[in-house]
Amino acid sequence: MKYDVVAAIVERRGKYLCMQRCRSEHPYISEHWEFPGGKCKDDETHHETLVREIKEEMDWDIYVGRKVGTVDYSYDDFDIRLTAYLCKGSDSQFKMLEHLDYKWLKREDLLSLNWTAADRKLIENFEF
């Protein structure tokens, strides 16, 4: 099974929003860090998915900007095509409805976290 997934690389004052996933049945992504986002539904554009997923997971409005890049990654149990967009969040504070923790980090500090493999590939292969 291959999923079409989108990620919001949210920048604020030179730092990027990193979210820690909840525990999962898949140890290779459980409690790892990611950029917020989620799976696209069949009838959704990437932009619509990002707006919906961030609203559902964080009760936050975002503004979707330029595409950063796309990576394909095969996990043990599923494959994803992950496309990331540079985004801005609204001035209001988000809520953590689906995550364990969050951090705002400078670009050069991002790889200090234990990222999901696909998100790590985004960080290593694209400028944003």
C-alpha atoms as a PDB file:
ATOM      1  CA  MET A   1       0.000   0.000   0.000  1.00  0.00           C
ATOM      2  CA  LYS A   2       1.365   3.434  -0.968  1.00  0.00           C
ATOM      3  CA  TYR A   3       0.037   6.576   0.687  1.00  0.00           C
ATOM      4  CA  ASP A   4       0.142  10.127  -0.620  1.00  0.00           C
ATOM      5  CA  VAL A   5       1.167  12.203   2.410  1.00  0.00           C
ATOM      6  CA  VAL A   6       1.773  15.928   2.826  1.00  0.00           C
ATOM      7  CA  ALA A   7       3.811  17.779   5.418  1.00  0.00           C
ATOM      8  CA  ALA A   8       3.743  21.405   6.561  1.00  0.00           C
ATOM      9  CA  ILE A   9       7.182  22.880   7.159  1.00  0.00           C
ATOM     10  CA  VAL A  10       5.999  25.719   9.369  1.00  0.00           C
ATOM     11  CA  GLU A  11       8.500  28.540   9.818  1.00  0.00           C
ATOM     12  CA  ARG A  12       8.299  31.269  12.436  1.00  0.00           C
ATOM     13  CA  ARG A  13      11.074  33.757  13.202  1.00  0.00           C
ATOM     14  CA  GLY A  14      13.785  31.563  11.694  1.00  0.00           C
ATOM     15  CA  LYS A  15      12.699  28.362  13.442  1.00  0.00           C
ATOM     16  CA  TYR A  16      10.740  25.345  12.221  1.00  0.00           C
ATOM     17  CA  LEU A  17       7.931  23.487  13.955  1.00  0.00           C
ATOM     18  CA  CYS A  18       8.777  19.880  14.843  1.00  0.00           C
ATOM     19  CA  MET A  19       6.096  17.572  16.239  1.00  0.00           C
ATOM     20  CA  GLN A  20       6.622  14.321  18.154  1.00  0.00           C
ATOM     21  CA  ARG A  21       4.321  11.515  17.055  1.00  0.00           C
ATOM     22  CA  CYS A  22       2.322   9.523  19.574  1.00  0.00           C
ATOM     23  CA  ARG A  23       3.058   5.891  20.294  1.00  0.00           C
ATOM     24  CA  SER A  24       2.231   3.624  17.398  1.00  0.00           C
ATOM     25  CA  GLU A  25       2.047  -0.049  16.513  1.00  0.00           C
ATOM     26  CA  HIS A  26       4.961   0.662  14.149  1.00  0.00           C
ATOM     27  CA  PRO A  27       8.138   1.065  16.246  1.00  0.00           C
ATOM     28  CA  TYR A  28      10.007   2.752  13.381  1.00  0.00           C
ATOM     29  CA  ILE A  29       7.707   5.811  13.577  1.00  0.00           C
ATOM     30  CA  SER A  30       6.423   5.567  17.151  1.00  0.00           C
ATOM     31  CA  GLU A  31       7.356   8.665  19.176  1.00  0.00           C
ATOM     32  CA  HIS A  32       9.586   9.912  16.340  1.00  0.00           C
ATOM     33  CA  TRP A  33       9.586  13.524  15.182  1.00  0.00           C
ATOM     34  CA  GLU A  34       7.854  14.754  12.053  1.00  0.00           C
ATOM     35  CA  PHE A  35       6.598  17.817  10.282  1.00  0.00           C
ATOM     36  CA  PRO A  36       2.823  18.029  10.850  1.00  0.00           C
ATOM     37  CA  GLY A  37       0.503  16.833   8.111  1.00  0.00           C
ATOM     38  CA  GLY A  38      -1.147  13.636   7.013  1.00  0.00           C
ATOM     39  CA  LYS A  39      -2.623  11.373   4.360  1.00  0.00           C
ATOM     40  CA  CYS A  40      -4.476  12.781   1.381  1.00  0.00           C
ATOM     41  CA  LYS A  41      -8.013  11.673   0.725  1.00  0.00           C
ATOM     42  CA  ASP A  42      -8.865  10.668  -2.854  1.00  0.00           C
ATOM     43  CA  ASP A  43     -10.774  13.862  -3.607  1.00  0.00           C
ATOM     44  CA  GLU A  44      -8.350  16.326  -1.954  1.00  0.00           C
ATOM     45  CA  THR A  45      -5.548  18.501  -3.248  1.00  0.00           C
ATOM     46  CA  HIS A  46      -2.336  18.713  -1.230  1.00  0.00           C
ATOM     47  CA  HIS A  47      -3.327  22.203  -0.100  1.00  0.00           C
ATOM     48  CA  GLU A  48      -6.749  21.009   1.110  1.00  0.00           C
ATOM     49  CA  THR A  49      -5.182  18.063   2.942  1.00  0.00           C
ATOM     50  CA  LEU A  50      -2.699  20.262   4.800  1.00  0.00           C
ATOM     51  CA  VAL A  51      -5.362  22.723   5.895  1.00  0.00           C
ATOM     52  CA  ARG A  52      -7.667  19.877   7.034  1.00  0.00           C
ATOM     53  CA  GLU A  53      -5.004  17.816   8.808  1.00  0.00           C
ATOM     54  CA  ILE A  54      -3.520  20.757  10.726  1.00  0.00           C
ATOM     55  CA  LYS A  55      -7.006  21.865  11.765  1.00  0.00           C
ATOM     56  CA  GLU A  56      -7.887  18.320  12.939  1.00  0.00           C
ATOM     57  CA  GLU A  57      -4.589  17.579  14.703  1.00  0.00           C
ATOM     58  CA  MET A  58      -3.747  21.028  16.077  1.00  0.00           C
ATOM     59  CA  ASP A  59      -6.897  23.190  15.830  1.00  0.00           C
ATOM     60  CA  TRP A  60      -4.770  25.692  13.935  1.00  0.00           C
ATOM     61  CA  ASP A  61      -5.073  27.564  10.673  1.00  0.00           C
ATOM     62  CA  ILE A  62      -2.119  27.542   8.305  1.00  0.00           C
ATOM     63  CA  TYR A  63      -1.257  29.242   5.062  1.00  0.00           C
ATOM     64  CA  VAL A  64       0.274  26.894   2.502  1.00  0.00           C
ATOM     65  CA  GLY A  65       3.161  28.286   0.474  1.00  0.00           C
ATOM     66  CA  ARG A  66       5.628  26.875  -2.018  1.00  0.00           C
ATOM     67  CA  LYS A  67       6.397  23.212  -2.503  1.00  0.00           C
ATOM     68  CA  VAL A  68       9.725  22.250  -0.908  1.00  0.00           C
ATOM     69  CA  GLY A  69      10.059  18.772  -2.378  1.00  0.00           C
ATOM     70  CA  THR A  70       8.870  15.177  -2.540  1.00  0.00           C
ATOM     71  CA  VAL A  71      10.441  11.970  -1.259  1.00  0.00           C
ATOM     72  CA  ASP A  72       9.406   8.359  -1.661  1.00  0.00           C
ATOM     73  CA  TYR A  73      10.060   6.071   1.278  1.00  0.00           C
ATOM     74  CA  SER A  74       9.349   2.397   1.949  1.00  0.00           C
ATOM     75  CA  TYR A  75       8.745   1.495   5.576  1.00  0.00           C
ATOM     76  CA  ASP A  76       8.439  -2.145   6.661  1.00  0.00           C
ATOM     77  CA  ASP A  77       4.627  -2.184   6.379  1.00  0.00           C
ATOM     78  CA  PHE A  78       3.769   0.588   3.910  1.00  0.00           C
ATOM     79  CA  ASP A  79       5.167   3.030   1.354  1.00  0.00           C
ATOM     80  CA  ILE A  80       4.655   6.772   1.237  1.00  0.00           C
ATOM     81  CA  ARG A  81       5.183   9.624  -1.161  1.00  0.00           C
ATOM     82  CA  LEU A  82       5.772  12.589   1.156  1.00  0.00           C
ATOM     83  CA  THR A  83       5.444  16.084  -0.280  1.00  0.00           C
ATOM     84  CA  ALA A  84       6.379  19.052   1.885  1.00  0.00           C
ATOM     85  CA  TYR A  85       5.236  22.666   1.622  1.00  0.00           C
ATOM     86  CA  LEU A  86       6.635  25.715   3.347  1.00  0.00           C
ATOM     87  CA  CYS A  87       3.802  27.097   5.504  1.00  0.00           C
ATOM     88  CA  LYS A  88       2.980  29.875   7.932  1.00  0.00           C
ATOM     89  CA  GLY A  89       0.773  29.380  10.956  1.00  0.00           C
ATOM     90  CA  SER A  90      -1.862  31.812  12.129  1.00  0.00           C
ATOM     91  CA  ASP A  91      -1.088  34.118  15.048  1.00  0.00           C
ATOM     92  CA  SER A  92      -3.163  32.008  17.417  1.00  0.00           C
ATOM     93  CA  GLN A  93      -1.544  29.211  19.434  1.00  0.00           C
ATOM     94  CA  PHE A  94      -2.028  25.637  18.237  1.00  0.00           C
ATOM     95  CA  LYS A  95      -3.157  22.746  20.456  1.00  0.00           C
ATOM     96  CA  MET A  96      -1.480  19.356  20.652  1.00  0.00           C
ATOM     97  CA  LEU A  97      -4.421  17.051  19.977  1.00  0.00           C
ATOM     98  CA  GLU A  98      -2.473  14.229  18.263  1.00  0.00           C
ATOM     99  CA  HIS A  99       1.169  14.671  19.342  1.00  0.00           C
ATOM    100  CA  LEU A 100       3.300  14.129  22.451  1.00  0.00           C
ATOM    101  CA  ASP A 101       5.511  17.207  22.206  1.00  0.00           C
ATOM    102  CA  TYR A 102       6.700  20.001  19.937  1.00  0.00           C
ATOM    103  CA  LYS A 103       9.815  22.100  19.436  1.00  0.00           C
ATOM    104  CA  TRP A 104      10.751  25.136  17.382  1.00  0.00           C
ATOM    105  CA  LEU A 105      14.274  24.582  16.032  1.00  0.00           C
ATOM    106  CA  LYS A 106      16.682  26.392  13.727  1.00  0.00           C
ATOM    107  CA  ARG A 107      17.416  24.646  10.426  1.00  0.00           C
ATOM    108  CA  GLU A 108      20.897  23.596  11.571  1.00  0.00           C
ATOM    109  CA  ASP A 109      19.462  21.920  14.704  1.00  0.00           C
ATOM    110  CA  LEU A 110      16.740  19.841  13.049  1.00  0.00           C
ATOM    111  CA  LEU A 111      18.800  16.660  12.712  1.00  0.00           C
ATOM    112  CA  SER A 112      19.373  16.572  16.476  1.00  0.00           C
ATOM    113  CA  LEU A 113      15.924  14.943  16.796  1.00  0.00           C
ATOM    114  CA  ASN A 114      14.936  11.318  16.122  1.00  0.00           C
ATOM    115  CA  TRP A 115      12.910  11.923  12.925  1.00  0.00           C
ATOM    116  CA  THR A 116      10.787   9.483  10.985  1.00  0.00           C
ATOM    117  CA  ALA A 117      12.902   8.241   8.071  1.00  0.00           C
ATOM    118  CA  ALA A 118      10.852  10.017   5.392  1.00  0.00           C
ATOM    119  CA  ASP A 119      10.950  13.373   7.207  1.00  0.00           C
ATOM    120  CA  ARG A 120      14.704  12.977   7.769  1.00  0.00           C
ATOM    121  CA  LYS A 121      15.101  12.416   4.022  1.00  0.00           C
ATOM    122  CA  LEU A 122      13.242  15.700   3.386  1.00  0.00           C
ATOM    123  CA  ILE A 123      15.552  17.568   5.748  1.00  0.00           C
ATOM    124  CA  GLU A 124      18.682  16.059   4.211  1.00  0.00           C
ATOM    125  CA  ASN A 125      17.688  16.551   0.558  1.00  0.00           C
ATOM    126  CA  PHE A 126      15.937  19.923   0.309  1.00  0.00           C
ATOM    127  CA  GLU A 127      16.555  23.553   1.188  1.00  0.00           C
ATOM    128  CA  PHE A 128      13.799  25.487   2.922  1.00  0.00           C
END
